[in-house]
Amino acid sequence: MAVGTWTGANPEPLVFVGVATIVAVATLFTVFNSGLIPATLLAMAPTFGIGFARYGLSTEYYGTVGIPDATAIGLMTAVVVGLPLGVTGFLIGTVLRRIRGHFEDQSGAGEASMQA
């Protein structure tokens, strides 16, 4: 599905929904004061799983995919796809957290909690 979407030959809506969901989760965790590492790991975990899912499949040239090969493919997928998605979610979440903090300062919510 991802290859057809990447080349534009056969775009799949599920790929776009998956990417948007991964970025949204990383963004939400960052908005609620998580750091770069948790946001990135949350994005890298599902992409590792997608790459690791090749374990046990038969390929034409290499035979059955073993655990070392599936792990290598999963790590490569996590770094190439998941890392940029996690960093993107972190950057968006940081901007949203600063905007949220600005509006809380304007409304006086910060002062009320400090006095209590």
PDB file of N, CA and C in Angstrom:
ATOM      1  N   MET A   1       0.829  -1.205   0.000  1.00  0.00           N
ATOM      2  CA  MET A   1       0.000   0.000   0.000  1.00  0.00           C
ATOM      3  C   MET A   1       0.866   1.258   0.000  1.00  0.00           C
ATOM      4  N   ALA A   2       1.943   1.233   0.770  1.00  0.00           N
ATOM      5  CA  ALA A   2       2.767   2.440   0.885  1.00  0.00           C
ATOM      6  C   ALA A   2       3.521   2.728  -0.405  1.00  0.00           C
ATOM      7  N   VAL A   3       3.941   1.683  -1.123  1.00  0.00           N
ATOM      8  CA  VAL A   3       4.690   1.905  -2.358  1.00  0.00           C
ATOM      9  C   VAL A   3       3.806   2.575  -3.400  1.00  0.00           C
ATOM     10  N   GLY A   4       2.581   2.116  -3.549  1.00  0.00           N
ATOM     11  CA  GLY A   4       1.657   2.737  -4.498  1.00  0.00           C
ATOM     12  C   GLY A   4       1.328   4.160  -4.125  1.00  0.00           C
ATOM     13  N   THR A   5       1.259   4.435  -2.834  1.00  0.00           N
ATOM     14  CA  THR A   5       0.996   5.796  -2.371  1.00  0.00           C
ATOM     15  C   THR A   5       2.212   6.677  -2.613  1.00  0.00           C
ATOM     16  N   TRP A   6       3.415   6.145  -2.341  1.00  0.00           N
ATOM     17  CA  TRP A   6       4.651   6.912  -2.513  1.00  0.00           C
ATOM     18  C   TRP A   6       4.874   7.287  -3.976  1.00  0.00           C
ATOM     19  N   THR A   7       4.663   6.347  -4.885  1.00  0.00           N
ATOM     20  CA  THR A   7       4.891   6.619  -6.298  1.00  0.00           C
ATOM     21  C   THR A   7       3.726   7.366  -6.941  1.00  0.00           C
ATOM     22  N   GLY A   8       2.583   7.384  -6.299  1.00  0.00           N
ATOM     23  CA  GLY A   8       1.413   8.065  -6.841  1.00  0.00           C
ATOM     24  C   GLY A   8       0.606   7.196  -7.779  1.00  0.00           C
ATOM     25  N   ALA A   9       1.035   5.961  -7.976  1.00  0.00           N
ATOM     26  CA  ALA A   9       0.339   5.072  -8.894  1.00  0.00           C
ATOM     27  C   ALA A   9      -0.997   4.612  -8.324  1.00  0.00           C
ATOM     28  N   ASN A  10      -1.037   4.352  -7.023  1.00  0.00           N
ATOM     29  CA  ASN A  10      -2.255   3.842  -6.390  1.00  0.00           C
ATOM     30  C   ASN A  10      -2.310   4.339  -4.950  1.00  0.00           C
ATOM     31  N   PRO A  11      -2.648   5.604  -4.732  1.00  0.00           N
ATOM     32  CA  PRO A  11      -2.665   6.116  -3.355  1.00  0.00           C
ATOM     33  C   PRO A  11      -3.751   5.453  -2.511  1.00  0.00           C
ATOM     34  N   GLU A  12      -3.367   5.054  -1.319  1.00  0.00           N
ATOM     35  CA  GLU A  12      -4.290   4.410  -0.394  1.00  0.00           C
ATOM     36  C   GLU A  12      -4.629   5.371   0.739  1.00  0.00           C
ATOM     37  N   PRO A  13      -5.902   5.635   0.987  1.00  0.00           N
ATOM     38  CA  PRO A  13      -6.288   6.531   2.084  1.00  0.00           C
ATOM     39  C   PRO A  13      -5.835   6.029   3.453  1.00  0.00           C
ATOM     40  N   LEU A  14      -5.748   4.720   3.630  1.00  0.00           N
ATOM     41  CA  LEU A  14      -5.341   4.158   4.915  1.00  0.00           C
ATOM     42  C   LEU A  14      -3.916   4.589   5.287  1.00  0.00           C
ATOM     43  N   VAL A  15      -3.046   4.742   4.309  1.00  0.00           N
ATOM     44  CA  VAL A  15      -1.682   5.195   4.585  1.00  0.00           C
ATOM     45  C   VAL A  15      -1.709   6.625   5.121  1.00  0.00           C
ATOM     46  N   PHE A  16      -2.510   7.484   4.506  1.00  0.00           N
ATOM     47  CA  PHE A  16      -2.612   8.866   4.967  1.00  0.00           C
ATOM     48  C   PHE A  16      -3.218   8.949   6.369  1.00  0.00           C
ATOM     49  N   VAL A  17      -4.217   8.116   6.633  1.00  0.00           N
ATOM     50  CA  VAL A  17      -4.844   8.085   7.960  1.00  0.00           C
ATOM     51  C   VAL A  17      -3.825   7.602   9.000  1.00  0.00           C
ATOM     52  N   GLY A  18      -3.041   6.590   8.654  1.00  0.00           N
ATOM     53  CA  GLY A  18      -2.030   6.076   9.571  1.00  0.00           C
ATOM     54  C   GLY A  18      -0.961   7.113   9.885  1.00  0.00           C
ATOM     55  N   VAL A  19      -0.470   7.797   8.867  1.00  0.00           N
ATOM     56  CA  VAL A  19       0.545   8.833   9.078  1.00  0.00           C
ATOM     57  C   VAL A  19      -0.025   9.965   9.924  1.00  0.00           C
ATOM     58  N   ALA A  20      -1.239  10.386   9.623  1.00  0.00           N
ATOM     59  CA  ALA A  20      -1.865  11.467  10.397  1.00  0.00           C
ATOM     60  C   ALA A  20      -2.081  11.044  11.849  1.00  0.00           C
ATOM     61  N   THR A  21      -2.457   9.795  12.071  1.00  0.00           N
ATOM     62  CA  THR A  21      -2.665   9.308  13.428  1.00  0.00           C
ATOM     63  C   THR A  21      -1.357   9.271  14.211  1.00  0.00           C
ATOM     64  N   ILE A  22      -0.295   8.814  13.591  1.00  0.00           N
ATOM     65  CA  ILE A  22       1.008   8.755  14.264  1.00  0.00           C
ATOM     66  C   ILE A  22       1.488  10.151  14.633  1.00  0.00           C
ATOM     67  N   VAL A  23       1.364  11.089  13.705  1.00  0.00           N
ATOM     68  CA  VAL A  23       1.784  12.468  13.990  1.00  0.00           C
ATOM     69  C   VAL A  23       0.891  13.074  15.076  1.00  0.00           C
ATOM     70  N   ALA A  24      -0.409  12.781  15.041  1.00  0.00           N
ATOM     71  CA  ALA A  24      -1.331  13.324  16.047  1.00  0.00           C
ATOM     72  C   ALA A  24      -1.013  12.799  17.445  1.00  0.00           C
ATOM     73  N   VAL A  25      -0.673  11.528  17.568  1.00  0.00           N
ATOM     74  CA  VAL A  25      -0.322  10.964  18.880  1.00  0.00           C
ATOM     75  C   VAL A  25       0.948  11.604  19.408  1.00  0.00           C
ATOM     76  N   ALA A  26       1.958  11.738  18.550  1.00  0.00           N
ATOM     77  CA  ALA A  26       3.204  12.397  18.974  1.00  0.00           C
ATOM     78  C   ALA A  26       2.949  13.850  19.355  1.00  0.00           C
ATOM     79  N   THR A  27       2.066  14.516  18.627  1.00  0.00           N
ATOM     80  CA  THR A  27       1.729  15.906  18.927  1.00  0.00           C
ATOM     81  C   THR A  27       1.024  16.015  20.277  1.00  0.00           C
ATOM     82  N   LEU A  28       0.049  15.155  20.522  1.00  0.00           N
ATOM     83  CA  LEU A  28      -0.694  15.209  21.786  1.00  0.00           C
ATOM     84  C   LEU A  28       0.207  14.939  22.988  1.00  0.00           C
ATOM     85  N   PHE A  29       1.105  13.976  22.868  1.00  0.00           N
ATOM     86  CA  PHE A  29       2.005  13.702  23.982  1.00  0.00           C
ATOM     87  C   PHE A  29       2.955  14.867  24.219  1.00  0.00           C
ATOM     88  N   THR A  30       3.314  15.575  23.171  1.00  0.00           N
ATOM     89  CA  THR A  30       4.190  16.732  23.339  1.00  0.00           C
ATOM     90  C   THR A  30       3.427  17.905  23.932  1.00  0.00           C
ATOM     91  N   VAL A  31       2.182  18.099  23.523  1.00  0.00           N
ATOM     92  CA  VAL A  31       1.383  19.199  24.066  1.00  0.00           C
ATOM     93  C   VAL A  31       1.228  19.040  25.578  1.00  0.00           C
ATOM     94  N   PHE A  32       1.071  17.819  26.036  1.00  0.00           N
ATOM     95  CA  PHE A  32       0.897  17.588  27.464  1.00  0.00           C
ATOM     96  C   PHE A  32       2.224  17.329  28.159  1.00  0.00           C
ATOM     97  N   ASN A  33       3.265  18.035  27.691  1.00  0.00           N
ATOM     98  CA  ASN A  33       4.559  18.166  28.341  1.00  0.00           C
ATOM     99  C   ASN A  33       5.432  16.929  28.296  1.00  0.00           C
ATOM    100  N   SER A  34       5.364  16.166  27.223  1.00  0.00           N
ATOM    101  CA  SER A  34       6.332  15.103  27.019  1.00  0.00           C
ATOM    102  C   SER A  34       7.461  15.655  26.158  1.00  0.00           C
ATOM    103  N   GLY A  35       8.560  14.953  26.138  1.00  0.00           N
ATOM    104  CA  GLY A  35       9.718  15.436  25.413  1.00  0.00           C
ATOM    105  C   GLY A  35       9.863  14.824  24.041  1.00  0.00           C
ATOM    106  N   LEU A  36      11.011  15.088  23.454  1.00  0.00           N
ATOM    107  CA  LEU A  36      11.315  14.604  22.111  1.00  0.00           C
ATOM    108  C   LEU A  36      11.420  13.080  22.078  1.00  0.00           C
ATOM    109  N   ILE A  37      12.056  12.503  23.076  1.00  0.00           N
ATOM    110  CA  ILE A  37      12.264  11.054  23.061  1.00  0.00           C
ATOM    111  C   ILE A  37      10.945  10.286  23.170  1.00  0.00           C
ATOM    112  N   PRO A  38      10.027  10.610  24.104  1.00  0.00           N
ATOM    113  CA  PRO A  38       8.759   9.870  24.123  1.00  0.00           C
ATOM    114  C   PRO A  38       7.937  10.060  22.846  1.00  0.00           C
ATOM    115  N   ALA A  39       7.911  11.279  22.322  1.00  0.00           N
ATOM    116  CA  ALA A  39       7.145  11.523  21.098  1.00  0.00           C
ATOM    117  C   ALA A  39       7.717  10.738  19.929  1.00  0.00           C
ATOM    118  N   THR A  40       9.034  10.690  19.838  1.00  0.00           N
ATOM    119  CA  THR A  40       9.670   9.974  18.738  1.00  0.00           C
ATOM    120  C   THR A  40       9.503   8.468  18.890  1.00  0.00           C
ATOM    121  N   LEU A  41       9.646   7.957  20.108  1.00  0.00           N
ATOM    122  CA  LEU A  41       9.460   6.522  20.316  1.00  0.00           C
ATOM    123  C   LEU A  41       8.022   6.092  20.031  1.00  0.00           C
ATOM    124  N   LEU A  42       7.064   6.950  20.373  1.00  0.00           N
ATOM    125  CA  LEU A  42       5.666   6.634  20.065  1.00  0.00           C
ATOM    126  C   LEU A  42       5.423   6.566  18.563  1.00  0.00           C
ATOM    127  N   ALA A  43       6.150   7.341  17.799  1.00  0.00           N
ATOM    128  CA  ALA A  43       6.002   7.307  16.346  1.00  0.00           C
ATOM    129  C   ALA A  43       6.797   6.160  15.729  1.00  0.00           C
ATOM    130  N   MET A  44       7.919   5.817  16.342  1.00  0.00           N
ATOM    131  CA  MET A  44       8.768   4.773  15.777  1.00  0.00           C
ATOM    132  C   MET A  44       8.249   3.359  16.058  1.00  0.00           C
ATOM    133  N   ALA A  45       7.517   3.175  17.149  1.00  0.00           N
ATOM    134  CA  ALA A  45       7.054   1.836  17.516  1.00  0.00           C
ATOM    135  C   ALA A  45       6.125   1.206  16.467  1.00  0.00           C
ATOM    136  N   PRO A  46       5.085   1.916  16.006  1.00  0.00           N
ATOM    137  CA  PRO A  46       4.228   1.274  15.000  1.00  0.00           C
ATOM    138  C   PRO A  46       4.937   1.063  13.666  1.00  0.00           C
ATOM    139  N   THR A  47       5.839   1.980  13.310  1.00  0.00           N
ATOM    140  CA  THR A  47       6.546   1.798  12.039  1.00  0.00           C
ATOM    141  C   THR A  47       7.529   0.634  12.138  1.00  0.00           C
ATOM    142  N   PHE A  48       8.115   0.399  13.317  1.00  0.00           N
ATOM    143  CA  PHE A  48       8.938  -0.796  13.503  1.00  0.00           C
ATOM    144  C   PHE A  48       8.075  -2.044  13.322  1.00  0.00           C
ATOM    145  N   GLY A  49       6.886  -2.026  13.889  1.00  0.00           N
ATOM    146  CA  GLY A  49       5.990  -3.172  13.759  1.00  0.00           C
ATOM    147  C   GLY A  49       5.601  -3.454  12.317  1.00  0.00           C
ATOM    148  N   ILE A  50       5.407  -2.399  11.557  1.00  0.00           N
ATOM    149  CA  ILE A  50       5.074  -2.592  10.145  1.00  0.00           C
ATOM    150  C   ILE A  50       6.228  -3.252   9.404  1.00  0.00           C
ATOM    151  N   GLY A  51       7.446  -2.814   9.683  1.00  0.00           N
ATOM    152  CA  GLY A  51       8.613  -3.429   9.040  1.00  0.00           C
ATOM    153  C   GLY A  51       8.873  -4.840   9.536  1.00  0.00           C
ATOM    154  N   PHE A  52       8.659  -5.081  10.830  1.00  0.00           N
ATOM    155  CA  PHE A  52       8.902  -6.402  11.410  1.00  0.00           C
ATOM    156  C   PHE A  52       7.860  -7.420  10.951  1.00  0.00           C
ATOM    157  N   ALA A  53       6.727  -6.958  10.476  1.00  0.00           N
ATOM    158  CA  ALA A  53       5.647  -7.853  10.063  1.00  0.00           C
ATOM    159  C   ALA A  53       6.037  -8.741   8.881  1.00  0.00           C
ATOM    160  N   ARG A  54       7.187  -8.491   8.286  1.00  0.00           N
ATOM    161  CA  ARG A  54       7.659  -9.351   7.198  1.00  0.00           C
ATOM    162  C   ARG A  54       8.169 -10.692   7.715  1.00  0.00           C
ATOM    163  N   TYR A  55       8.320 -10.823   9.030  1.00  0.00           N
ATOM    164  CA  TYR A  55       8.836 -12.065   9.606  1.00  0.00           C
ATOM    165  C   TYR A  55       7.954 -13.235   9.207  1.00  0.00           C
ATOM    166  N   GLY A  56       8.579 -14.288   8.712  1.00  0.00           N
ATOM    167  CA  GLY A  56       7.865 -15.499   8.339  1.00  0.00           C
ATOM    168  C   GLY A  56       7.327 -15.505   6.926  1.00  0.00           C
ATOM    169  N   LEU A  57       7.390 -14.368   6.239  1.00  0.00           N
ATOM    170  CA  LEU A  57       6.904 -14.327   4.857  1.00  0.00           C
ATOM    171  C   LEU A  57       7.932 -14.954   3.918  1.00  0.00           C
ATOM    172  N   SER A  58       7.461 -15.538   2.852  1.00  0.00           N
ATOM    173  CA  SER A  58       8.359 -16.101   1.851  1.00  0.00           C
ATOM    174  C   SER A  58       8.577 -15.085   0.748  1.00  0.00           C
ATOM    175  N   THR A  59       9.838 -14.882   0.411  1.00  0.00           N
ATOM    176  CA  THR A  59      10.169 -13.999  -0.705  1.00  0.00           C
ATOM    177  C   THR A  59      10.750 -14.838  -1.825  1.00  0.00           C
ATOM    178  N   GLU A  60      10.675 -14.331  -3.030  1.00  0.00           N
ATOM    179  CA  GLU A  60      11.090 -15.082  -4.202  1.00  0.00           C
ATOM    180  C   GLU A  60      12.598 -15.357  -4.206  1.00  0.00           C
ATOM    181  N   TYR A  61      13.391 -14.366  -3.839  1.00  0.00           N
ATOM    182  CA  TYR A  61      14.840 -14.505  -3.950  1.00  0.00           C
ATOM    183  C   TYR A  61      15.517 -14.986  -2.680  1.00  0.00           C
ATOM    184  N   TYR A  62      14.990 -14.632  -1.519  1.00  0.00           N
ATOM    185  CA  TYR A  62      15.690 -14.897  -0.264  1.00  0.00           C
ATOM    186  C   TYR A  62      15.073 -16.000   0.569  1.00  0.00           C
ATOM    187  N   GLY A  63      13.966 -16.529   0.189  1.00  0.00           N
ATOM    188  CA  GLY A  63      13.304 -17.552   0.980  1.00  0.00           C
ATOM    189  C   GLY A  63      12.469 -16.926   2.087  1.00  0.00           C
ATOM    190  N   THR A  64      12.380 -17.594   3.217  1.00  0.00           N
ATOM    191  CA  THR A  64      11.587 -17.124   4.345  1.00  0.00           C
ATOM    192  C   THR A  64      12.366 -16.065   5.122  1.00  0.00           C
ATOM    193  N   VAL A  65      11.688 -14.997   5.499  1.00  0.00           N
ATOM    194  CA  VAL A  65      12.313 -13.912   6.253  1.00  0.00           C
ATOM    195  C   VAL A  65      12.435 -14.344   7.710  1.00  0.00           C
ATOM    196  N   GLY A  66      13.665 -14.334   8.223  1.00  0.00           N
ATOM    197  CA  GLY A  66      13.924 -14.735   9.601  1.00  0.00           C
ATOM    198  C   GLY A  66      13.858 -13.544  10.545  1.00  0.00           C
ATOM    199  N   ILE A  67      14.058 -13.821  11.843  1.00  0.00           N
ATOM    200  CA  ILE A  67      13.995 -12.769  12.857  1.00  0.00           C
ATOM    201  C   ILE A  67      15.060 -11.699  12.649  1.00  0.00           C
ATOM    202  N   PRO A  68      16.329 -12.044  12.352  1.00  0.00           N
ATOM    203  CA  PRO A  68      17.327 -10.979  12.159  1.00  0.00           C
ATOM    204  C   PRO A  68      16.987 -10.056  10.990  1.00  0.00           C
ATOM    205  N   ASP A  69      16.536 -10.629   9.894  1.00  0.00           N
ATOM    206  CA  ASP A  69      16.172  -9.804   8.740  1.00  0.00           C
ATOM    207  C   ASP A  69      14.940  -8.952   9.028  1.00  0.00           C
ATOM    208  N   ALA A  70      13.953  -9.542   9.683  1.00  0.00           N
ATOM    209  CA  ALA A  70      12.740  -8.789  10.012  1.00  0.00           C
ATOM    210  C   ALA A  70      13.060  -7.662  10.984  1.00  0.00           C
ATOM    211  N   THR A  71      13.960  -7.920  11.938  1.00  0.00           N
ATOM    212  CA  THR A  71      14.360  -6.877  12.879  1.00  0.00           C
ATOM    213  C   THR A  71      15.097  -5.755  12.166  1.00  0.00           C
ATOM    214  N   ALA A  72      15.992  -6.110  11.254  1.00  0.00           N
ATOM    215  CA  ALA A  72      16.729  -5.087  10.496  1.00  0.00           C
ATOM    216  C   ALA A  72      15.779  -4.244   9.648  1.00  0.00           C
ATOM    217  N   ILE A  73      14.821  -4.894   9.004  1.00  0.00           N
ATOM    218  CA  ILE A  73      13.849  -4.151   8.191  1.00  0.00           C
ATOM    219  C   ILE A  73      12.987  -3.270   9.086  1.00  0.00           C
ATOM    220  N   GLY A  74      12.580  -3.781  10.252  1.00  0.00           N
ATOM    221  CA  GLY A  74      11.787  -2.992  11.192  1.00  0.00           C
ATOM    222  C   GLY A  74      12.542  -1.782  11.697  1.00  0.00           C
ATOM    223  N   LEU A  75      13.818  -1.965  12.063  1.00  0.00           N
ATOM    224  CA  LEU A  75      14.625  -0.832  12.531  1.00  0.00           C
ATOM    225  C   LEU A  75      14.832   0.200  11.428  1.00  0.00           C
ATOM    226  N   MET A  76      15.080  -0.276  10.220  1.00  0.00           N
ATOM    227  CA  MET A  76      15.266   0.644   9.099  1.00  0.00           C
ATOM    228  C   MET A  76      13.976   1.439   8.844  1.00  0.00           C
ATOM    229  N   THR A  77      12.855   0.768   8.885  1.00  0.00           N
ATOM    230  CA  THR A  77      11.577   1.450   8.681  1.00  0.00           C
ATOM    231  C   THR A  77      11.305   2.447   9.808  1.00  0.00           C
ATOM    232  N   ALA A  78      11.629   2.067  11.022  1.00  0.00           N
ATOM    233  CA  ALA A  78      11.407   2.959  12.165  1.00  0.00           C
ATOM    234  C   ALA A  78      12.261   4.210  12.056  1.00  0.00           C
ATOM    235  N   VAL A  79      13.508   4.057  11.634  1.00  0.00           N
ATOM    236  CA  VAL A  79      14.395   5.217  11.529  1.00  0.00           C
ATOM    237  C   VAL A  79      14.032   6.083  10.328  1.00  0.00           C
ATOM    238  N   VAL A  80      13.766   5.454   9.189  1.00  0.00           N
ATOM    239  CA  VAL A  80      13.510   6.212   7.964  1.00  0.00           C
ATOM    240  C   VAL A  80      12.132   6.868   7.971  1.00  0.00           C
ATOM    241  N   VAL A  81      11.134   6.193   8.523  1.00  0.00           N
ATOM    242  CA  VAL A  81       9.761   6.717   8.491  1.00  0.00           C
ATOM    243  C   VAL A  81       9.329   7.259   9.861  1.00  0.00           C
ATOM    244  N   GLY A  82       9.539   6.491  10.909  1.00  0.00           N
ATOM    245  CA  GLY A  82       9.043   6.866  12.226  1.00  0.00           C
ATOM    246  C   GLY A  82       9.750   8.054  12.842  1.00  0.00           C
ATOM    247  N   LEU A  83      11.062   8.143  12.661  1.00  0.00           N
ATOM    248  CA  LEU A  83      11.813   9.257  13.241  1.00  0.00           C
ATOM    249  C   LEU A  83      11.351  10.611  12.701  1.00  0.00           C
ATOM    250  N   PRO A  84      11.222  10.776  11.377  1.00  0.00           N
ATOM    251  CA  PRO A  84      10.706  12.064  10.891  1.00  0.00           C
ATOM    252  C   PRO A  84       9.276  12.365  11.340  1.00  0.00           C
ATOM    253  N   LEU A  85       8.438  11.326  11.435  1.00  0.00           N
ATOM    254  CA  LEU A  85       7.070  11.553  11.899  1.00  0.00           C
ATOM    255  C   LEU A  85       7.054  11.974  13.362  1.00  0.00           C
ATOM    256  N   GLY A  86       7.898  11.363  14.183  1.00  0.00           N
ATOM    257  CA  GLY A  86       7.974  11.729  15.591  1.00  0.00           C
ATOM    258  C   GLY A  86       8.501  13.138  15.797  1.00  0.00           C
ATOM    259  N   VAL A  87       9.529  13.502  15.033  1.00  0.00           N
ATOM    260  CA  VAL A  87      10.078  14.854  15.149  1.00  0.00           C
ATOM    261  C   VAL A  87       9.053  15.882  14.671  1.00  0.00           C
ATOM    262  N   THR A  88       8.322  15.561  13.615  1.00  0.00           N
ATOM    263  CA  THR A  88       7.271  16.458  13.135  1.00  0.00           C
ATOM    264  C   THR A  88       6.196  16.646  14.204  1.00  0.00           C
ATOM    265  N   GLY A  89       5.751  15.551  14.804  1.00  0.00           N
ATOM    266  CA  GLY A  89       4.758  15.646  15.878  1.00  0.00           C
ATOM    267  C   GLY A  89       5.282  16.441  17.060  1.00  0.00           C
ATOM    268  N   PHE A  90       6.569  16.252  17.394  1.00  0.00           N
ATOM    269  CA  PHE A  90       7.166  17.005  18.496  1.00  0.00           C
ATOM    270  C   PHE A  90       7.187  18.502  18.196  1.00  0.00           C
ATOM    271  N   LEU A  91       7.567  18.866  16.987  1.00  0.00           N
ATOM    272  CA  LEU A  91       7.620  20.289  16.626  1.00  0.00           C
ATOM    273  C   LEU A  91       6.229  20.924  16.646  1.00  0.00           C
ATOM    274  N   ILE A  92       5.253  20.226  16.093  1.00  0.00           N
ATOM    275  CA  ILE A  92       3.885  20.747  16.101  1.00  0.00           C
ATOM    276  C   ILE A  92       3.376  20.852  17.542  1.00  0.00           C
ATOM    277  N   GLY A  93       3.648  19.830  18.349  1.00  0.00           N
ATOM    278  CA  GLY A  93       3.211  19.841  19.740  1.00  0.00           C
ATOM    279  C   GLY A  93       3.868  20.939  20.558  1.00  0.00           C
ATOM    280  N   THR A  94       5.136  21.218  20.277  1.00  0.00           N
ATOM    281  CA  THR A  94       5.829  22.297  20.980  1.00  0.00           C
ATOM    282  C   THR A  94       5.193  23.643  20.670  1.00  0.00           C
ATOM    283  N   VAL A  95       4.871  23.860  19.399  1.00  0.00           N
ATOM    284  CA  VAL A  95       4.212  25.112  19.011  1.00  0.00           C
ATOM    285  C   VAL A  95       2.845  25.211  19.678  1.00  0.00           C
ATOM    286  N   LEU A  96       2.085  24.128  19.661  1.00  0.00           N
ATOM    287  CA  LEU A  96       0.758  24.150  20.286  1.00  0.00           C
ATOM    288  C   LEU A  96       0.843  24.330  21.795  1.00  0.00           C
ATOM    289  N   ARG A  97       1.863  23.741  22.442  1.00  0.00           N
ATOM    290  CA  ARG A  97       2.031  23.915  23.885  1.00  0.00           C
ATOM    291  C   ARG A  97       2.347  25.368  24.219  1.00  0.00           C
ATOM    292  N   ARG A  98       3.166  26.015  23.398  1.00  0.00           N
ATOM    293  CA  ARG A  98       3.481  27.430  23.629  1.00  0.00           C
ATOM    294  C   ARG A  98       2.256  28.315  23.399  1.00  0.00           C
ATOM    295  N   ILE A  99       1.474  27.991  22.398  1.00  0.00           N
ATOM    296  CA  ILE A  99       0.243  28.750  22.150  1.00  0.00           C
ATOM    297  C   ILE A  99      -0.727  28.555  23.316  1.00  0.00           C
ATOM    298  N   ARG A 100      -0.848  27.308  23.790  1.00  0.00           N
ATOM    299  CA  ARG A 100      -1.718  27.040  24.939  1.00  0.00           C
ATOM    300  C   ARG A 100      -1.239  27.799  26.178  1.00  0.00           C
ATOM    301  N   GLY A 101       0.051  27.819  26.404  1.00  0.00           N
ATOM    302  CA  GLY A 101       0.605  28.552  27.539  1.00  0.00           C
ATOM    303  C   GLY A 101       0.371  30.044  27.422  1.00  0.00           C
ATOM    304  N   HIS A 102       0.455  30.573  26.209  1.00  0.00           N
ATOM    305  CA  HIS A 102       0.202  31.995  25.994  1.00  0.00           C
ATOM    306  C   HIS A 102      -1.243  32.349  26.336  1.00  0.00           C
ATOM    307  N   PHE A 103      -2.191  31.511  25.898  1.00  0.00           N
ATOM    308  CA  PHE A 103      -3.592  31.784  26.185  1.00  0.00           C
ATOM    309  C   PHE A 103      -3.923  31.581  27.660  1.00  0.00           C
ATOM    310  N   GLU A 104      -3.255  30.639  28.317  1.00  0.00           N
ATOM    311  CA  GLU A 104      -3.486  30.462  29.754  1.00  0.00           C
ATOM    312  C   GLU A 104      -2.961  31.666  30.524  1.00  0.00           C
ATOM    313  N   ASP A 105      -1.838  32.230  30.088  1.00  0.00           N
ATOM    314  CA  ASP A 105      -1.302  33.430  30.728  1.00  0.00           C
ATOM    315  C   ASP A 105      -2.236  34.617  30.527  1.00  0.00           C
ATOM    316  N   GLN A 106      -2.824  34.718  29.347  1.00  0.00           N
ATOM    317  CA  GLN A 106      -3.730  35.828  29.040  1.00  0.00           C
ATOM    318  C   GLN A 106      -5.021  35.725  29.842  1.00  0.00           C
ATOM    319  N   SER A 107      -5.487  34.511  30.085  1.00  0.00           N
ATOM    320  CA  SER A 107      -6.762  34.356  30.789  1.00  0.00           C
ATOM    321  C   SER A 107      -6.608  34.454  32.299  1.00  0.00           C
ATOM    322  N   GLY A 108      -5.381  34.424  32.779  1.00  0.00           N
ATOM    323  CA  GLY A 108      -5.161  34.513  34.210  1.00  0.00           C
ATOM    324  C   GLY A 108      -5.256  33.166  34.909  1.00  0.00           C
ATOM    325  N   ALA A 109      -5.370  32.105  34.164  1.00  0.00           N
ATOM    326  CA  ALA A 109      -5.468  30.772  34.774  1.00  0.00           C
ATOM    327  C   ALA A 109      -4.192  30.433  35.524  1.00  0.00           C
ATOM    328  N   GLY A 110      -3.070  30.892  35.040  1.00  0.00           N
ATOM    329  CA  GLY A 110      -1.799  30.621  35.714  1.00  0.00           C
ATOM    330  C   GLY A 110      -1.737  31.288  37.062  1.00  0.00           C
ATOM    331  N   GLU A 111      -2.257  32.525  37.191  1.00  0.00           N
ATOM    332  CA  GLU A 111      -2.216  33.229  38.462  1.00  0.00           C
ATOM    333  C   GLU A 111      -3.131  32.576  39.490  1.00  0.00           C
ATOM    334  N   ALA A 112      -4.277  32.115  39.070  1.00  0.00           N
ATOM    335  CA  ALA A 112      -5.218  31.492  40.006  1.00  0.00           C
ATOM    336  C   ALA A 112      -4.627  30.215  40.581  1.00  0.00           C
ATOM    337  N   SER A 113      -3.951  29.445  39.751  1.00  0.00           N
ATOM    338  CA  SER A 113      -3.367  28.207  40.254  1.00  0.00           C
ATOM    339  C   SER A 113      -2.169  28.488  41.127  1.00  0.00           C
ATOM    340  N   MET A 114      -1.447  29.579  40.898  1.00  0.00           N
ATOM    341  CA  MET A 114      -0.296  29.920  41.715  1.00  0.00           C
ATOM    342  C   MET A 114      -0.722  30.412  43.092  1.00  0.00           C
ATOM    343  N   GLN A 115      -1.883  31.078  43.179  1.00  0.00           N
ATOM    344  CA  GLN A 115      -2.342  31.618  44.442  1.00  0.00           C
ATOM    345  C   GLN A 115      -2.951  30.536  45.321  1.00  0.00           C
ATOM    346  N   ALA A 116      -3.431  29.477  44.700  1.00  0.00           N
ATOM    347  CA  ALA A 116      -4.117  28.419  45.455  1.00  0.00           C
ATOM    348  C   ALA A 116      -3.191  27.541  46.205  1.00  0.00           C
TER     349      ALA A 116
END
